[in-house]
Protein backbone atom coordinates (compact mmCIF):
# COMPACT_ATOMS: atom_id res chain seq x y z
CA MET A 1 -21.44 191.64 -209.45
CA ARG A 2 -18.45 190.99 -207.22
CA ILE A 3 -20.23 188.02 -205.59
CA ALA A 4 -20.96 186.46 -208.98
CA LEU A 5 -17.31 186.81 -209.98
CA ILE A 6 -16.17 185.13 -206.80
CA ARG A 7 -18.54 182.23 -207.39
CA ARG A 8 -17.24 181.78 -210.94
CA LEU A 9 -13.66 181.72 -209.65
CA GLN A 10 -14.62 179.17 -207.00
CA ARG A 11 -16.12 176.90 -209.67
CA VAL A 12 -12.97 177.24 -211.78
CA PHE A 13 -10.75 176.38 -208.80
CA LEU A 14 -12.99 173.41 -207.97
CA ILE A 15 -12.77 172.08 -211.53
CA LEU A 16 -8.98 172.55 -211.56
CA SER A 17 -8.70 170.77 -208.19
CA VAL A 18 -10.71 167.80 -209.45
CA ILE A 19 -8.57 167.59 -212.60
CA LEU A 20 -5.36 167.86 -210.55
CA PHE A 21 -6.51 165.18 -208.08
CA ALA A 22 -7.48 162.84 -210.92
CA GLY A 23 -4.07 163.36 -212.50
CA ILE A 24 -2.29 162.54 -209.24
CA VAL A 25 -4.35 159.36 -208.81
CA PHE A 26 -3.63 158.29 -212.39
CA LEU A 27 0.12 158.83 -212.02
CA ALA A 28 0.19 157.00 -208.70
CA ALA A 29 -1.63 154.03 -210.20
CA ARG A 30 0.81 153.82 -213.10
CA GLY A 31 3.75 154.02 -210.72
CA ALA A 32 2.39 151.19 -208.63
CA ALA A 33 1.78 149.06 -211.70
CA TYR A 34 5.41 149.57 -212.73
CA PHE A 35 6.72 147.97 -209.55
CA LEU A 36 4.12 145.19 -209.27
CA PRO A 37 4.66 141.91 -211.23
CA GLY A 38 2.22 141.03 -213.96
CA SER A 39 -0.47 138.45 -213.46
CA ILE A 40 1.77 135.61 -214.73
CA ASP A 41 4.64 136.68 -212.49
CA ARG A 42 2.35 136.82 -209.45
CA VAL A 43 1.15 133.28 -210.14
CA ASN A 44 4.75 132.08 -210.46
CA LEU A 45 5.68 133.70 -207.17
CA ILE A 46 2.80 131.99 -205.42
CA THR A 47 3.19 128.57 -207.04
CA PRO A 48 6.85 128.06 -208.10
CA THR A 49 7.70 125.08 -210.25
CA PRO A 50 9.31 122.45 -208.00
CA GLU A 51 12.86 121.42 -208.90
CA ARG A 52 13.54 117.80 -209.79
CA GLU A 53 15.64 115.75 -207.40
CA THR A 54 19.19 115.41 -208.66
CA VAL A 55 21.50 112.41 -208.44
CA ALA A 56 25.16 112.58 -209.48
CA LEU A 57 26.71 109.39 -210.90
CA VAL A 58 30.47 109.09 -211.31
CA SER A 59 31.48 106.56 -213.96
CA GLY A 60 34.69 105.36 -212.34
CA HIS A 61 38.00 106.14 -214.08
CA THR A 62 36.24 107.76 -217.07
CA GLY A 63 38.31 110.62 -218.45
CA PHE A 64 41.31 109.61 -216.33
CA ASP A 65 42.64 106.06 -216.86
CA SER A 66 41.58 102.49 -217.58
CA GLY A 67 41.34 101.31 -213.99
CA ALA A 68 42.00 97.62 -213.45
CA ILE A 69 42.86 95.56 -216.54
CA CYS A 70 42.25 91.82 -216.52
CA GLY A 71 43.42 89.72 -219.44
CA PRO A 72 43.29 85.96 -218.90
CA SER A 73 44.34 83.92 -221.90
CA ASN A 74 40.94 82.25 -222.26
CA ALA A 75 38.75 85.37 -222.09
CA PRO A 76 38.55 88.90 -223.53
CA THR A 77 40.52 91.61 -221.77
CA LEU A 78 38.39 93.45 -219.22
CA ARG A 79 39.00 97.14 -218.56
CA GLU A 80 37.35 98.50 -215.47
CA VAL A 81 36.53 101.85 -217.06
CA GLU A 82 34.57 100.18 -219.88
CA VAL A 83 32.73 97.68 -217.68
CA VAL A 84 31.67 100.40 -215.25
CA ALA A 85 30.67 102.86 -218.00
CA ARG A 86 28.17 100.37 -219.44
CA VAL A 87 26.50 99.81 -216.06
CA ALA A 88 26.58 103.52 -215.20
CA ASP A 89 24.91 104.47 -218.49
CA LEU A 90 22.12 101.94 -217.99
CA ALA A 91 21.58 103.15 -214.43
CA ARG A 92 21.43 106.75 -215.65
CA GLU A 93 18.71 105.88 -218.16
CA ALA A 94 16.66 104.04 -215.54
CA LEU A 95 16.95 106.84 -212.99
CA GLU A 96 15.91 109.44 -215.55
CA GLU A 97 12.90 107.32 -216.48
CA ALA A 98 12.03 107.27 -212.77
CA GLY A 99 11.85 111.08 -212.84
CA LEU A 100 15.24 112.02 -211.41
CA GLU A 101 17.68 114.52 -212.83
CA VAL A 102 20.99 112.69 -213.34
CA LEU A 103 24.34 114.46 -213.47
CA PHE A 104 26.76 112.11 -215.25
CA LEU A 105 30.34 112.77 -214.15
CA GLU A 106 33.84 111.65 -215.03
CA GLU A 107 36.32 110.51 -212.37
CA TYR A 108 37.92 113.91 -211.79
CA ASP A 109 35.11 116.03 -213.16
CA GLU A 110 35.44 119.75 -212.39
CA ARG A 111 31.78 119.80 -211.37
CA LEU A 112 32.60 117.75 -208.28
CA THR A 113 33.91 120.86 -206.55
CA ASN A 114 31.24 122.11 -204.09
CA LEU A 115 28.72 119.79 -205.72
CA ASP A 116 25.29 120.19 -204.12
CA THR A 117 22.99 117.32 -205.12
CA ASP A 118 20.60 114.96 -203.36
CA LEU A 119 23.10 112.13 -203.77
CA LEU A 120 26.52 111.35 -205.25
CA LEU A 121 27.32 107.72 -206.08
CA SER A 122 30.62 106.71 -207.66
CA LEU A 123 30.71 103.36 -209.46
CA HIS A 124 33.81 101.18 -209.76
CA ALA A 125 34.75 97.52 -210.18
CA ASP A 126 37.30 95.68 -208.06
CA SER A 127 40.52 93.93 -209.03
CA CYS A 128 41.29 90.86 -211.11
CA ILE A 129 41.63 88.47 -208.20
CA ALA A 130 39.40 85.39 -208.17
CA ALA A 131 37.05 86.73 -205.52
CA SER A 132 33.35 87.58 -205.57
CA GLY A 133 31.26 90.24 -203.88
CA PHE A 134 30.55 93.96 -203.74
CA LYS A 135 31.25 96.66 -201.21
CA ALA A 136 30.08 100.21 -200.56
CA ALA A 137 31.53 102.92 -198.36
CA SER A 138 30.88 106.51 -197.34
CA PRO A 139 33.35 109.05 -195.89
CA LEU A 140 34.95 107.85 -192.67
CA ASN A 141 34.77 111.42 -191.34
CA SER A 142 31.21 112.04 -192.57
CA ALA A 143 29.44 115.27 -191.62
CA ILE A 144 26.08 113.48 -192.02
CA PRO A 145 26.76 109.97 -190.69
CA THR A 146 23.11 109.01 -190.08
CA THR A 147 22.09 109.94 -193.62
CA GLU A 148 25.02 108.15 -195.21
CA LYS A 149 24.53 105.10 -193.03
CA ARG A 150 21.01 104.86 -194.49
CA LEU A 151 22.48 105.21 -198.00
CA ILE A 152 24.89 102.32 -197.41
CA ALA A 153 22.06 100.23 -195.96
CA CYS A 154 20.01 100.82 -199.14
CA ILE A 155 22.94 99.71 -201.31
CA ASN A 156 23.72 96.64 -199.20
CA SER A 157 20.09 95.57 -199.29
CA HIS A 158 18.98 96.29 -202.86
CA TYR A 159 22.22 95.78 -204.78
CA SER A 160 22.69 92.40 -203.15
CA ALA A 161 19.08 91.39 -203.86
CA HIS A 162 19.33 92.23 -207.58
CA THR A 163 22.79 90.87 -208.32
CA GLY A 164 22.95 87.94 -205.91
CA LEU A 165 26.37 89.12 -204.76
CA ALA A 166 27.38 89.05 -201.11
CA ILE A 167 28.96 91.97 -199.26
CA HIS A 168 32.76 91.75 -199.29
CA ALA A 169 33.10 94.10 -196.33
CA ASN A 170 36.56 93.04 -195.19
CA SER A 171 38.14 94.45 -198.36
CA ILE A 172 36.90 98.03 -197.92
CA THR A 173 40.04 100.13 -198.27
CA HIS A 174 41.37 103.50 -197.19
CA ASP A 175 41.01 104.64 -200.81
CA MET A 176 37.27 104.03 -200.51
CA THR A 177 36.60 105.71 -197.16
CA TYR A 178 38.82 108.66 -198.17
CA TYR A 179 37.76 108.69 -201.83
CA HIS A 180 38.85 111.94 -203.49
CA ALA A 181 35.33 113.07 -204.47
CA PHE A 182 34.22 112.95 -200.82
CA ARG A 183 36.55 115.88 -200.09
CA LYS A 184 35.33 117.97 -203.03
CA VAL A 185 31.54 117.97 -202.73
CA LEU A 186 29.66 119.97 -200.13
CA PRO A 187 29.61 118.24 -196.73
CA THR A 188 25.80 118.17 -196.92
CA THR A 189 25.80 116.05 -200.10
CA PRO A 190 25.23 112.36 -199.25
CA THR A 191 28.01 110.35 -200.89
CA ALA A 192 29.07 106.75 -201.42
CA ILE A 193 31.42 104.71 -203.57
CA LEU A 194 30.27 101.30 -204.80
CA GLU A 195 32.57 98.55 -206.06
CA LEU A 196 30.15 96.63 -208.29
CA GLY A 197 32.04 93.34 -208.03
CA PHE A 198 35.43 91.78 -208.76
CA LEU A 199 36.51 91.71 -212.38
CA GLY A 200 38.24 88.43 -211.60
CA GLY A 201 35.40 86.55 -209.96
CA ASP A 202 32.32 88.51 -211.12
CA GLY A 203 33.42 89.44 -214.63
CA LYS A 204 30.76 87.30 -216.29
CA LEU A 205 27.94 88.99 -214.36
CA LEU A 206 29.35 92.48 -214.91
CA THR A 207 29.81 92.06 -218.66
CA GLU A 208 27.04 89.67 -219.69
CA GLU A 209 24.27 90.97 -217.40
CA PRO A 210 24.91 94.71 -217.09
CA GLU A 211 21.15 95.39 -217.01
CA ARG A 212 20.83 93.29 -213.86
CA VAL A 213 23.77 95.09 -212.25
CA ALA A 214 22.36 98.49 -213.25
CA ALA A 215 18.98 97.53 -211.75
CA GLY A 216 20.76 96.93 -208.45
CA VAL A 217 22.32 100.39 -208.65
CA THR A 218 19.01 101.99 -209.62
CA GLU A 219 17.01 100.40 -206.82
CA SER A 220 19.71 101.28 -204.29
CA VAL A 221 19.43 104.93 -205.30
CA MET A 222 15.63 104.91 -205.36
CA CYS A 223 15.53 103.33 -201.89
CA PHE A 224 17.55 106.25 -200.56
CA MET A 225 15.63 108.90 -202.49
CA ARG A 226 12.33 107.51 -201.22
CA GLY A 227 13.56 107.85 -197.66
CA GLU A 228 13.38 104.14 -196.94
CA GLU A 229 15.07 102.60 -193.93
CA ALA A 230 16.70 99.49 -195.36
CA SER A 231 18.39 96.91 -193.18
CA ASP A 232 22.05 96.08 -193.69
């Protein structure tokens, strides 16, 4: 009689132990599932969506002043800010069509501070003197001189080829090599300033063929973004 009672108690304890163990396993599984990402999250962690390459374009003098103003008696008045804005907008459209993310900036845009992009290019036009040619410059005290030398080489090669303008290197100024935006962006952001031409001598090209000028800007940028080694 006593032995039979003991056996019944053993069976009861066994059943309770199985139920308790199953409960512990169930709770542990739910706890683990709480901390683990869902199936979609796990896929995203394994295969993140790549970010698009970003180029920042400064439309010279926009939001600040008119820049150079040229008003010969036999031609319409040219304002640097307007001439540059037209070219910059066309270049932006072409770069976006090429798959790049374009950050369109004003001259003293607040977003320049600590800007971290794949490239910053500021577009301007030179003075009203009767000269012809373009010029590009990067920071004189560059933290990445090899990279920015390649950027300038791309501009000198492709911008010249598309516009037919020659490099006017002897008129590169202190204001270009120490351009204000160079001091604001992160040192690791490749930067350059490009004077598209002289309003005095190249005004016809800049105003009547802005698509051609913008193509020169676009191909200069794409050369750099593709990692090409252009010759000066």
